[in-house]
Protein backbone atom coordinates (compact mmCIF):
# COMPACT_ATOMS: atom_id res chain seq x y z
CA MET A 1 -58.26 -14.04 1.64
CA THR A 2 -56.66 -11.11 -0.19
CA GLU A 3 -53.35 -9.55 0.81
CA GLY A 4 -53.66 -7.25 3.82
CA ALA A 5 -57.10 -8.49 4.88
CA GLY A 6 -57.22 -9.99 8.33
CA ILE A 7 -53.49 -10.45 8.75
CA ARG A 8 -53.43 -7.99 11.61
CA ASP A 9 -55.33 -10.62 13.53
CA GLY A 10 -52.88 -13.31 12.45
CA ASP A 11 -55.18 -15.05 9.96
CA LEU A 12 -53.46 -17.23 7.37
CA PRO A 13 -54.07 -16.05 3.78
CA ASP A 14 -55.98 -18.52 1.61
CA ASP A 15 -53.70 -18.55 -1.47
CA LEU A 16 -50.50 -19.70 0.20
CA THR A 17 -48.79 -22.93 -0.76
CA ALA A 18 -47.88 -25.41 1.93
CA ALA A 19 -44.28 -24.17 1.96
CA GLU A 20 -45.44 -20.56 2.20
CA ALA A 21 -47.89 -21.37 4.99
CA GLY A 22 -45.09 -22.95 7.00
CA MET A 23 -42.91 -19.89 6.41
CA TRP A 24 -45.80 -17.65 7.51
CA GLN A 25 -46.19 -19.44 10.82
CA ALA A 26 -42.43 -19.58 11.43
CA PHE A 27 -42.26 -15.82 10.81
CA ARG A 28 -44.89 -15.14 13.51
CA ASN A 29 -43.04 -17.45 15.89
CA GLY A 30 -39.60 -15.98 15.07
CA SER A 31 -38.26 -19.49 14.49
CA VAL A 32 -36.07 -20.99 11.76
CA TYR A 33 -37.97 -22.41 8.77
CA ASP A 34 -35.73 -25.17 7.41
CA LEU A 35 -36.60 -26.94 4.14
CA SER A 36 -33.20 -28.56 3.58
CA SER A 37 -33.11 -32.29 2.86
CA GLY A 38 -30.01 -33.17 4.86
CA ASP A 39 -28.12 -34.22 1.72
CA ALA A 40 -25.22 -31.79 1.23
CA VAL A 41 -25.17 -32.30 -2.54
CA VAL A 42 -28.89 -31.73 -2.97
CA ASP A 43 -28.92 -28.79 -0.55
CA ASP A 44 -26.05 -26.93 -2.23
CA PRO A 45 -27.71 -23.67 -3.40
CA HIS A 46 -24.95 -23.19 -5.98
CA GLY A 47 -25.32 -26.70 -7.42
CA GLY A 48 -27.51 -27.86 -10.26
CA HIS A 49 -29.84 -30.12 -8.33
CA PRO A 50 -33.44 -28.91 -8.78
CA TRP A 51 -35.48 -27.87 -5.79
CA GLY A 52 -39.18 -28.71 -6.28
CA PRO A 53 -42.36 -26.89 -5.25
CA GLY A 54 -42.06 -28.28 -1.73
CA ARG A 55 -39.03 -26.04 -1.15
CA THR A 56 -40.21 -23.00 -3.13
CA VAL A 57 -41.82 -19.80 -1.87
CA ARG A 58 -42.76 -16.77 -3.92
CA ALA A 59 -40.69 -13.61 -3.50
CA ARG A 60 -43.96 -11.66 -3.33
CA ILE A 61 -44.95 -13.49 -0.13
CA VAL A 62 -41.52 -12.86 1.39
CA CYS A 63 -41.93 -9.14 0.65
CA TRP A 64 -45.41 -9.24 2.18
CA LEU A 65 -44.00 -10.67 5.41
CA LEU A 66 -41.16 -8.20 5.62
CA LEU A 67 -43.06 -5.03 4.72
CA ASP A 68 -46.51 -5.68 6.12
CA GLY A 69 -46.42 -9.03 7.87
CA PRO A 70 -48.70 -10.45 10.56
CA PRO A 71 -48.13 -9.74 14.25
CA ALA A 72 -45.89 -12.00 16.28
CA LEU A 73 -47.35 -14.66 18.49
CA ALA A 74 -47.70 -13.75 22.14
CA GLY A 75 -44.34 -13.60 23.83
CA ARG A 76 -42.45 -13.95 20.53
CA VAL A 77 -40.61 -11.57 18.18
CA SER A 78 -41.37 -11.96 14.50
CA ALA A 79 -38.36 -12.67 12.27
CA LEU A 80 -37.67 -14.17 8.86
CA LYS A 81 -35.24 -17.06 9.28
CA LEU A 82 -35.08 -19.37 6.27
CA THR A 83 -32.78 -22.30 5.51
CA GLY A 84 -32.63 -24.24 2.24
CA VAL A 85 -35.52 -22.35 0.63
CA HIS A 86 -35.94 -21.58 -3.08
CA ILE A 87 -37.33 -18.07 -3.62
CA SER A 88 -38.99 -17.64 -7.01
CA GLY A 89 -39.37 -14.29 -8.73
CA SER A 90 -37.65 -11.01 -7.96
CA LEU A 91 -37.43 -9.97 -4.30
CA ASP A 92 -38.29 -6.27 -4.57
CA LEU A 93 -37.98 -4.28 -1.34
CA ALA A 94 -36.95 -0.99 -2.98
CA GLY A 95 -37.65 1.99 -0.75
CA GLY A 96 -39.26 -0.17 1.93
CA ALA A 97 -38.81 -0.08 5.68
CA VAL A 98 -38.19 -3.59 7.05
CA GLU A 99 -38.53 -3.96 10.80
CA PRO A 100 -38.14 -7.76 11.33
CA TYR A 101 -34.78 -9.44 11.67
CA VAL A 102 -33.75 -11.18 8.40
CA GLU A 103 -31.53 -14.25 8.19
CA LEU A 104 -31.39 -16.60 5.18
CA ARG A 105 -28.98 -19.52 5.04
CA GLY A 106 -28.28 -21.75 2.07
CA CYS A 107 -31.15 -20.28 0.07
CA ARG A 108 -31.44 -20.07 -3.69
CA PHE A 109 -32.89 -16.98 -5.39
CA GLU A 110 -34.37 -17.32 -8.84
CA ARG A 111 -33.87 -13.66 -9.70
CA GLU A 112 -32.13 -10.59 -8.30
CA ILE A 113 -32.69 -8.97 -4.92
CA LEU A 114 -33.75 -5.34 -5.24
CA MET A 115 -33.51 -3.19 -2.14
CA PRO A 116 -32.22 0.26 -3.12
CA GLU A 117 -33.02 2.93 -0.54
CA ALA A 118 -34.58 0.32 1.74
CA ARG A 119 -34.09 0.41 5.51
CA PHE A 120 -33.32 -2.61 7.67
CA ARG A 121 -32.25 -3.42 11.16
CA THR A 122 -29.99 -6.41 10.39
CA VAL A 123 -29.73 -8.57 7.26
CA ARG A 124 -27.83 -11.84 7.07
CA LEU A 125 -27.58 -13.85 3.86
CA VAL A 126 -25.21 -16.77 4.44
CA GLY A 127 -24.16 -19.18 1.69
CA CYS A 128 -26.95 -18.09 -0.64
CA SER A 129 -27.09 -18.06 -4.44
CA VAL A 130 -28.21 -14.61 -5.63
CA PRO A 131 -28.16 -13.64 -9.34
CA ARG A 132 -27.55 -9.99 -8.37
CA LEU A 133 -27.86 -7.76 -5.31
CA GLU A 134 -29.02 -4.24 -6.10
CA ALA A 135 -28.80 -2.21 -2.87
CA ALA A 136 -27.72 1.33 -3.67
CA ARG A 137 -28.31 3.72 -0.74
CA VAL A 138 -29.58 0.88 1.47
CA HIS A 139 -29.52 1.66 5.19
CA THR A 140 -29.03 -0.86 7.99
CA GLU A 141 -28.92 -0.08 11.68
CA GLY A 142 -26.92 -3.25 12.34
CA ASP A 143 -24.98 -5.70 10.18
CA LEU A 144 -25.18 -6.65 6.54
CA HIS A 145 -23.74 -10.16 6.23
CA LEU A 146 -23.15 -11.81 2.85
CA PRO A 147 -20.53 -14.51 3.61
CA ARG A 148 -20.12 -17.46 1.23
CA CYS A 149 -22.78 -16.07 -1.10
CA ARG A 150 -22.37 -16.13 -4.87
CA PHE A 151 -23.42 -13.24 -7.07
CA PRO A 152 -23.07 -14.03 -10.81
CA GLY A 153 -24.35 -10.55 -11.73
CA GLY A 154 -22.44 -8.53 -9.15
CA VAL A 155 -23.31 -6.48 -6.09
CA ARG A 156 -24.18 -2.80 -5.93
CA LEU A 157 -23.89 -0.98 -2.59
CA THR A 158 -23.26 2.55 -3.85
CA ASP A 159 -23.74 5.17 -1.09
CA ALA A 160 -25.03 2.48 1.27
CA HIS A 161 -24.95 3.05 5.03
CA ILE A 162 -24.13 -0.01 7.17
CA GLY A 163 -24.54 0.68 10.87
CA THR A 164 -22.02 -1.88 12.15
CA ASP A 165 -20.30 -4.60 10.07
CA LEU A 166 -20.33 -5.54 6.39
CA LEU A 167 -19.22 -9.15 5.85
CA LEU A 168 -18.30 -10.61 2.46
CA ASN A 169 -16.01 -13.39 3.64
CA GLN A 170 -15.57 -16.18 1.05
CA ALA A 171 -18.17 -14.62 -1.23
CA VAL A 172 -17.81 -15.04 -5.00
CA VAL A 173 -18.77 -11.97 -7.02
CA HIS A 174 -18.73 -11.69 -10.81
CA ARG A 175 -18.87 -8.56 -12.89
CA ASP A 176 -21.98 -6.75 -13.99
CA ARG A 177 -22.58 -5.09 -17.34
CA ALA A 178 -20.40 -2.15 -16.29
CA GLY A 179 -17.48 -4.48 -15.54
CA ARG A 180 -17.71 -4.12 -11.76
CA SER A 181 -18.02 -7.02 -9.36
CA LEU A 182 -18.67 -4.99 -6.21
CA SER A 183 -19.70 -1.39 -6.73
CA ALA A 184 -19.60 0.30 -3.33
CA ASP A 185 -18.56 3.87 -4.09
CA GLY A 186 -19.38 6.22 -1.24
CA ILE A 187 -20.36 3.41 1.15
CA THR A 188 -20.18 4.08 4.90
CA VAL A 189 -19.51 1.15 7.24
CA GLY A 190 -19.74 1.92 10.96
CA GLN A 191 -17.27 -0.73 12.09
CA ASP A 192 -15.50 -3.45 10.04
CA LEU A 193 -15.68 -4.32 6.37
CA GLN A 194 -14.47 -7.91 6.12
CA ALA A 195 -14.04 -9.50 2.72
CA GLU A 196 -11.57 -12.22 3.63
CA MET A 197 -10.98 -14.89 0.96
CA LEU A 198 -13.36 -13.01 -1.31
CA GLU A 199 -13.27 -13.95 -5.01
CA SER A 200 -13.84 -10.93 -7.21
CA HIS A 201 -14.07 -11.30 -11.01
CA GLY A 202 -14.21 -7.71 -12.20
CA GLU A 203 -13.49 -4.30 -10.69
CA LEU A 204 -13.94 -3.99 -6.94
CA SER A 205 -14.83 -0.32 -6.58
CA LEU A 206 -14.66 1.45 -3.21
CA ARG A 207 -14.18 5.04 -4.30
CA SER A 208 -14.63 7.52 -1.42
CA ALA A 209 -15.72 4.69 0.89
CA ASN A 210 -15.54 5.24 4.66
CA VAL A 211 -14.88 2.32 7.02
CA GLY A 212 -15.01 3.06 10.73
CA VAL A 213 -12.56 0.44 11.99
CA SER A 214 -10.72 -1.98 9.66
CA LEU A 215 -11.01 -3.16 6.07
CA SER A 216 -9.80 -6.73 5.67
CA LEU A 217 -9.12 -8.35 2.30
CA ARG A 218 -6.98 -11.08 3.82
CA GLY A 219 -6.60 -13.99 1.44
CA ALA A 220 -8.84 -12.35 -1.16
CA ARG A 221 -8.40 -13.10 -4.85
CA LEU A 222 -9.14 -10.15 -7.10
CA ARG A 223 -9.07 -10.74 -10.83
CA ASN A 224 -9.95 -8.24 -13.53
CA PRO A 225 -8.41 -8.88 -16.95
CA TYR A 226 -11.08 -6.73 -18.57
CA THR A 227 -10.26 -3.17 -17.41
CA ARG A 228 -7.39 -1.29 -15.75
CA HIS A 229 -8.13 -1.87 -12.06
CA ALA A 230 -8.96 -4.91 -9.97
CA LEU A 231 -9.21 -2.74 -6.83
CA ASN A 232 -10.25 0.86 -7.41
CA ALA A 233 -10.45 2.72 -4.11
CA PRO A 234 -9.21 6.32 -4.31
CA GLN A 235 -10.05 8.59 -1.35
CA LEU A 236 -10.74 5.56 0.82
CA THR A 237 -10.90 6.32 4.55
CA VAL A 238 -10.28 3.52 7.08
CA GLY A 239 -10.29 4.21 10.81
CA ARG A 240 -7.59 1.67 11.55
CA THR A 241 -5.93 -0.79 9.13
CA LEU A 242 -6.29 -1.94 5.54
CA TYR A 243 -5.23 -5.59 5.29
CA LEU A 244 -4.05 -6.96 1.93
CA SER A 245 -2.37 -9.90 3.63
CA PRO A 246 -2.75 -13.69 4.09
CA ALA A 247 -5.68 -15.51 5.68
CA GLY A 248 -5.50 -18.80 7.52
CA VAL A 249 -7.22 -21.78 5.91
CA GLY A 250 -7.88 -25.38 6.87
CA GLY A 251 -8.82 -24.60 10.48
CA PRO A 252 -11.16 -22.44 12.52
CA GLN A 253 -11.71 -19.18 10.70
CA LEU A 254 -10.72 -16.34 12.98
CA ALA A 255 -11.88 -13.35 11.01
CA GLY A 256 -9.78 -10.25 11.48
CA ARG A 257 -6.81 -12.16 12.93
CA THR A 258 -3.32 -12.60 11.55
CA PRO A 259 -2.74 -16.37 11.02
CA ALA A 260 -0.56 -17.98 13.68
CA ARG A 261 2.84 -19.38 12.70
CA GLY A 262 2.46 -22.82 11.14
CA THR A 263 -1.07 -22.20 9.89
CA ARG A 264 -1.70 -22.95 6.21
CA ILE A 265 -2.42 -19.63 4.57
CA GLN A 266 -3.93 -18.17 1.44
CA HIS A 267 -2.16 -15.06 0.18
CA PHE A 268 -3.90 -11.94 -1.00
CA GLN A 269 -3.68 -12.12 -4.79
CA CYS A 270 -4.53 -9.41 -7.26
CA GLN A 271 -4.51 -9.66 -11.05
CA GLY A 272 -5.06 -6.11 -12.23
CA GLY A 273 -4.16 -2.62 -11.08
CA VAL A 274 -4.67 -1.32 -7.54
CA ARG A 275 -5.57 2.32 -6.94
CA LEU A 276 -5.55 3.68 -3.39
CA ASP A 277 -4.75 7.31 -4.18
CA ASP A 278 -5.47 9.93 -1.47
CA GLY A 279 -6.43 7.24 1.05
CA ARG A 280 -6.40 7.94 4.78
CA PHE A 281 -5.65 5.09 7.21
CA GLY A 282 -5.63 5.48 10.99
CA ASP A 283 -3.15 2.70 11.78
CA ALA A 284 -1.54 0.99 8.79
CA VAL A 285 -1.63 -0.35 5.24
CA ASP A 286 -0.55 -3.99 5.48
CA LEU A 287 0.78 -5.66 2.31
CA GLU A 288 2.36 -8.65 4.04
CA GLY A 289 2.83 -11.44 1.48
CA ALA A 290 0.61 -9.73 -1.12
CA ARG A 291 0.96 -11.00 -4.69
CA PHE A 292 0.33 -8.58 -7.53
CA THR A 293 0.17 -9.49 -11.20
CA PHE A 294 0.24 -6.44 -13.45
CA THR A 295 0.57 -5.69 -17.12
CA ASP A 296 3.15 -3.09 -18.15
CA ASP A 297 0.60 -0.26 -17.97
CA GLN A 298 -0.87 -1.23 -14.58
CA GLU A 299 0.37 -0.20 -11.17
CA LEU A 300 0.02 -0.31 -7.43
CA SER A 301 -0.83 3.33 -6.91
CA LEU A 302 -0.44 4.79 -3.41
CA ARG A 303 -0.23 8.42 -4.46
CA ARG A 304 -0.70 10.83 -1.53
CA VAL A 305 -1.72 8.01 0.83
CA GLN A 306 -1.38 8.85 4.53
CA ALA A 307 -0.90 6.15 7.17
CA PRO A 308 1.15 5.92 10.38
CA GLU A 309 2.66 2.67 9.09
CA LEU A 310 3.17 1.20 5.63
CA ARG A 311 4.05 -2.50 5.68
CA PHE A 312 5.49 -3.04 2.21
CA LEU A 313 6.22 -6.74 2.63
CA GLY A 314 4.61 -8.30 -0.43
CA GLU A 315 6.21 -10.20 -3.27
CA ARG A 316 8.00 -8.19 -5.96
CA PRO A 317 5.72 -7.59 -8.98
CA ARG A 318 7.36 -8.84 -12.15
CA ARG A 319 5.74 -6.17 -14.30
CA GLY A 320 3.97 -2.88 -13.75
CA LYS A 321 4.87 -0.07 -11.37
CA VAL A 322 4.67 0.86 -7.70
CA VAL A 323 3.89 4.56 -7.20
CA LEU A 324 4.33 6.26 -3.81
CA SER A 325 4.53 9.85 -5.00
CA GLY A 326 3.36 12.27 -2.33
CA ALA A 327 2.59 9.51 0.20
CA ARG A 328 3.29 10.10 3.91
CA THR A 329 3.97 7.56 6.65
CA VAL A 330 5.78 7.44 9.97
CA ASN A 331 7.14 3.89 9.84
CA LEU A 332 8.13 2.30 6.57
CA VAL A 333 8.32 -1.44 7.27
CA ASP A 334 9.77 -3.12 4.19
CA ARG A 335 11.81 -5.95 2.76
CA ALA A 336 14.53 -5.64 0.10
CA SER A 337 12.92 -8.36 -2.02
CA SER A 338 9.56 -6.58 -2.14
CA TRP A 339 10.54 -3.54 -4.20
CA PRO A 340 10.49 -3.47 -8.02
CA GLY A 341 13.53 -2.64 -10.09
CA VAL A 342 14.73 0.41 -11.98
CA GLY A 343 12.01 2.27 -13.85
CA ASN A 344 9.16 0.55 -12.03
CA LEU A 345 9.24 2.55 -8.79
CA ALA A 346 8.22 6.18 -8.32
CA MET A 347 8.37 7.93 -4.95
CA ARG A 348 8.99 11.62 -5.54
CA GLY A 349 7.66 13.46 -2.50
CA PHE A 350 7.34 10.23 -0.49
CA VAL A 351 7.80 11.20 3.18
CA TYR A 352 8.69 8.65 5.86
CA GLU A 353 10.25 9.18 9.29
CA ASN A 354 11.63 5.73 10.14
CA VAL A 355 12.70 2.68 8.14
CA VAL A 356 12.13 -0.70 9.78
CA PRO A 357 13.61 -3.34 7.44
CA GLN A 358 12.51 -6.93 7.83
CA GLY A 359 15.48 -9.17 7.15
CA SER A 360 18.74 -8.06 5.58
CA PHE A 361 18.58 -4.69 3.85
CA PRO A 362 22.19 -3.36 3.59
CA LEU A 363 22.91 0.22 2.67
CA ALA A 364 24.04 -0.73 -0.86
CA GLU A 365 20.61 -2.23 -1.55
CA ARG A 366 18.90 0.76 0.05
CA LEU A 367 20.82 3.04 -2.31
CA ALA A 368 19.78 0.83 -5.24
CA TRP A 369 16.18 1.23 -3.99
CA VAL A 370 16.51 5.02 -4.19
CA ALA A 371 18.19 4.81 -7.60
CA ALA A 372 15.33 2.62 -8.88
CA ALA A 373 12.89 5.38 -7.93
CA THR A 374 14.83 8.11 -9.77
CA ALA A 375 15.24 7.14 -13.41
CA GLU A 376 16.06 10.83 -13.87
CA TYR A 377 18.14 12.41 -11.13
CA HIS A 378 16.19 14.08 -8.35
CA PRO A 379 17.80 14.96 -4.99
CA GLU A 380 14.72 14.63 -2.75
CA PRO A 381 14.68 10.79 -2.27
CA TYR A 382 18.37 10.82 -1.30
CA GLU A 383 17.91 13.72 1.11
CA ARG A 384 14.87 12.06 2.71
CA LEU A 385 16.74 8.79 3.29
CA ALA A 386 19.77 10.66 4.68
CA ALA A 387 17.58 12.65 7.08
CA VAL A 388 15.92 9.46 8.34
CA LEU A 389 19.27 7.73 8.87
CA ARG A 390 20.73 10.75 10.64
CA ALA A 391 17.69 10.99 12.93
CA SER A 392 18.19 7.35 13.91
CA GLY A 393 21.85 7.97 14.78
CA GLU A 394 23.37 6.37 11.66
CA ASP A 395 25.49 9.38 10.64
CA GLU A 396 28.02 7.40 8.62
CA ASP A 397 25.30 5.81 6.49
CA ALA A 398 23.68 9.23 6.05
CA ARG A 399 26.95 10.60 4.67
CA GLU A 400 27.20 7.66 2.27
CA VAL A 401 23.70 8.43 0.97
CA LEU A 402 24.55 12.11 0.40
CA LEU A 403 27.78 11.09 -1.33
CA ALA A 404 25.76 8.80 -3.60
CA LYS A 405 23.49 11.76 -4.34
CA GLN A 406 26.45 13.89 -5.49
CA ARG A 407 27.78 11.07 -7.67
CA ARG A 408 24.36 10.63 -9.24
CA ARG A 409 24.12 14.38 -9.84
CA ARG A 410 27.54 14.35 -11.50
CA GLU A 411 26.10 12.15 -14.27
CA THR A 412 23.85 15.03 -15.34
CA LEU A 413 26.64 17.67 -15.59
CA PRO A 414 28.54 18.84 -18.69
CA PRO A 415 32.12 17.58 -19.19
CA THR A 416 33.78 20.41 -17.25
CA GLY A 417 31.39 19.91 -14.35
CA LYS A 418 32.02 16.18 -14.39
CA LEU A 419 35.79 16.78 -14.33
CA TRP A 420 35.48 19.08 -11.31
CA GLY A 421 33.15 16.56 -9.70
CA TYR A 422 35.66 13.76 -10.14
CA ALA A 423 38.34 15.98 -8.58
CA GLN A 424 36.15 16.63 -5.52
CA ASP A 425 35.23 12.96 -5.26
CA LEU A 426 38.81 11.76 -5.52
CA THR A 427 40.20 14.25 -3.04
CA VAL A 428 37.59 14.73 -0.29
CA ALA A 429 34.56 12.71 -1.46
CA TYR A 430 32.56 15.93 -1.92
CA GLY A 431 33.37 16.97 1.64
CA TYR A 432 31.90 13.88 3.28
CA ARG A 433 35.35 12.33 3.84
CA PRO A 434 37.54 15.31 4.80
CA GLY A 435 40.31 13.04 6.07
CA ARG A 436 41.26 12.35 2.48
CA ALA A 437 42.57 15.94 2.11
CA ALA A 438 45.05 15.42 4.94
CA VAL A 439 46.24 12.18 3.36
CA TRP A 440 46.73 13.83 -0.02
CA MET A 441 48.54 16.77 1.60
CA ALA A 442 50.87 14.41 3.48
CA VAL A 443 51.64 12.41 0.34
CA LEU A 444 52.40 15.53 -1.74
CA TRP A 445 54.47 17.07 1.06
CA ALA A 446 56.56 13.93 1.43
CA ALA A 447 57.05 13.59 -2.33
CA GLY A 448 57.99 17.25 -2.68
CA SER A 449 60.37 17.13 0.26
CA LEU A 450 62.22 14.11 -1.14
CA ALA A 451 62.39 15.64 -4.61
CA PHE A 452 63.78 19.00 -3.43
CA ALA A 453 66.25 17.29 -1.13
CA SER A 454 67.80 15.64 -4.17
CA ALA A 455 67.88 18.90 -6.13
CA GLY A 456 70.71 20.42 -4.14
CA ARG A 457 70.87 23.90 -2.72
CA PRO A 458 69.14 26.37 -5.10
CA ARG A 459 70.22 29.93 -5.68
CA THR A 460 68.74 32.73 -3.62
CA GLY A 461 66.59 35.49 -4.98
CA SER A 462 68.08 38.38 -2.90
CA GLY A 463 71.29 39.42 -1.19
CA ALA A 464 69.81 39.43 2.28
CA GLY A 465 70.92 37.06 4.99
CA GLU A 466 70.72 33.57 3.65
CA PRO A 467 68.54 31.12 5.70
CA PRO A 468 69.43 27.44 5.81
CA TRP A 469 67.96 25.39 2.94
CA ASN A 470 65.04 23.25 4.19
CA PRO A 471 63.40 21.13 1.42
CA ALA A 472 60.47 20.04 3.64
CA LEU A 473 59.62 23.62 4.67
CA TYR A 474 59.93 24.80 1.06
CA ALA A 475 57.55 22.04 -0.20
CA LEU A 476 55.04 22.92 2.54
CA ASP A 477 55.16 26.61 1.61
CA LEU A 478 54.35 25.69 -2.00
CA LEU A 479 51.38 23.47 -1.00
CA LEU A 480 49.71 25.87 1.43
CA PRO A 481 47.86 28.66 -0.39
CA VAL A 482 47.54 32.11 1.22
CA ILE A 483 49.88 31.22 4.11
CA ASP A 484 53.46 32.52 3.53
CA LEU A 485 56.27 30.64 5.27
CA GLY A 486 58.94 32.88 3.67
CA GLN A 487 60.43 30.17 1.48
CA MET A 488 58.91 30.71 -1.96
CA GLY A 489 60.12 34.32 -2.24
CA PHE A 490 63.72 33.58 -1.21
CA TRP A 491 64.77 30.51 -3.14
CA ARG A 492 64.87 30.33 -6.93
CA LEU A 493 64.65 27.03 -8.81
CA ASP A 494 65.76 26.39 -12.37
CA GLY A 495 64.72 24.01 -15.17
CA GLY A 496 62.37 21.17 -14.36
CA TRP A 497 62.32 22.00 -10.66
CA GLN A 498 60.36 25.14 -11.51
CA TRP A 499 57.69 22.96 -13.12
CA LEU A 500 57.57 20.74 -10.03
CA ALA A 501 57.14 23.79 -7.81
CA ALA A 502 54.34 25.11 -10.04
CA ALA A 503 52.60 21.70 -9.95
CA LEU A 504 52.69 21.66 -6.12
CA VAL A 505 51.23 25.19 -5.99
CA LEU A 506 48.42 24.15 -8.36
CA LEU A 507 47.68 20.94 -6.44
CA GLY A 508 47.64 22.89 -3.19
CA TRP A 509 45.01 25.27 -4.54
CA ILE A 510 42.90 22.39 -5.90
CA LEU A 511 43.00 20.69 -2.51
CA ALA A 512 42.08 23.87 -0.69
CA THR A 513 39.24 24.65 -3.10
CA THR A 514 37.72 21.18 -2.93
CA VAL A 515 37.96 21.18 0.88
CA ALA A 516 36.24 24.57 0.98
CA ALA A 517 33.51 23.43 -1.45
CA GLY A 518 32.90 20.25 0.54
CA ALA A 519 32.83 22.11 3.85
CA THR A 520 30.37 24.63 2.46
CA ARG A 521 28.11 21.82 1.23
CA VAL A 522 28.20 20.06 4.60
CA LEU A 523 27.56 23.26 6.54
CA ARG A 524 24.66 24.16 4.23
CA ARG A 525 23.17 20.68 4.80
CA ASN A 526 23.49 21.05 8.59
């Protein structure tokens, strides 16, 4: 019987092999068609053990069933459910509309699966060996599951539309001729994209992807020594959280859950650059325990990322850079040991409203964190940190940050500016420690009073009534600019005492000027 003839009545085509005939009947019944032997070594689809004709069906017959298959038996729903089947030839469903439910477990494909622009309800390939999956612009109303599958030639899901979940947990994907392992630019996933413990050998590309709920790469291992990026996902939109964090191993796999304390875990590991520029995340970006291995020209790029919470809790990269320029978050949850050193951190324009340190993160280390991000002096990171500390009620720490900013600025000034800066720092700490001025004034007043007391009574400068000689009042009149206590114009000193008087006048003006400059700076800040 030729293809299409009589199948509407449920007749069995004449040219089917025994394995194909069994698959045909199982399809009409909606039951699982299992050709596995029961030997785990023999049944491993990724192993080298040959599967003979008794376990082989032609891809052409599979396409026939899916695109134009026979009607279901009475009271049944037709579905393709295969286990341990070898599919020979190329499975070409390009542009087709597949109505039956599809579920293949532990199957081995001889050649690639082609289903660009095809439409499905739900597709589940679990633990299968597939040379390559070509599914650009594929559309599913339900899930697309590919857990524990291996794709030596990569996966293409460019501009695909997945109605609910896309699962790639524990899949192994190698690069294609373009150097990409998973090419999913422009993909839309209605709910979760889970790729936990994924192994990617090449560039994982998610440019302009849109994920409705969460994107989980917990425990994934991304490796791309060939090009610049191991994860290339600019303009990524995730409704809730992006997880680049650990996954629990050695027990029940609870996808989408943070491993409980005491569970053996597998960290997220990435060898190659990460690009998340212009990403939008509804809840958080979670980098708990993430391990990045970069070359000197690679980076973790979070330019202009927006997320309510950034959990920067990974391990410190030994090489490469972390770039947060223009990023915005409400809560910055971080750890002192997670940040790179001087020259490897950039965060100009990075806006955060709260800092939530995990573990010890003293102010001295926080200032070193800001200094590491400003190889060349720029005031904005200091002012942002000071504003955050002040908003949280830590006014003293905020003043210390602004003082550090002035000291850093002083390094960029010419010699005269540096000299004036040192004077302001020594006297009133640029206005952030005004109590110093009173201390200096008291010290100079006491020193001047003692010195003039030992000088004896000086001569007067006029014949008017002579007031009593008061060394303390005379020293105070010299130190206070503008205010006249009537002492300087009456008494006349000779010799070295004149130089002492001039020095006190000069020091008084310097103190007054630095206090005024510091007060102006503080008032301008407020």
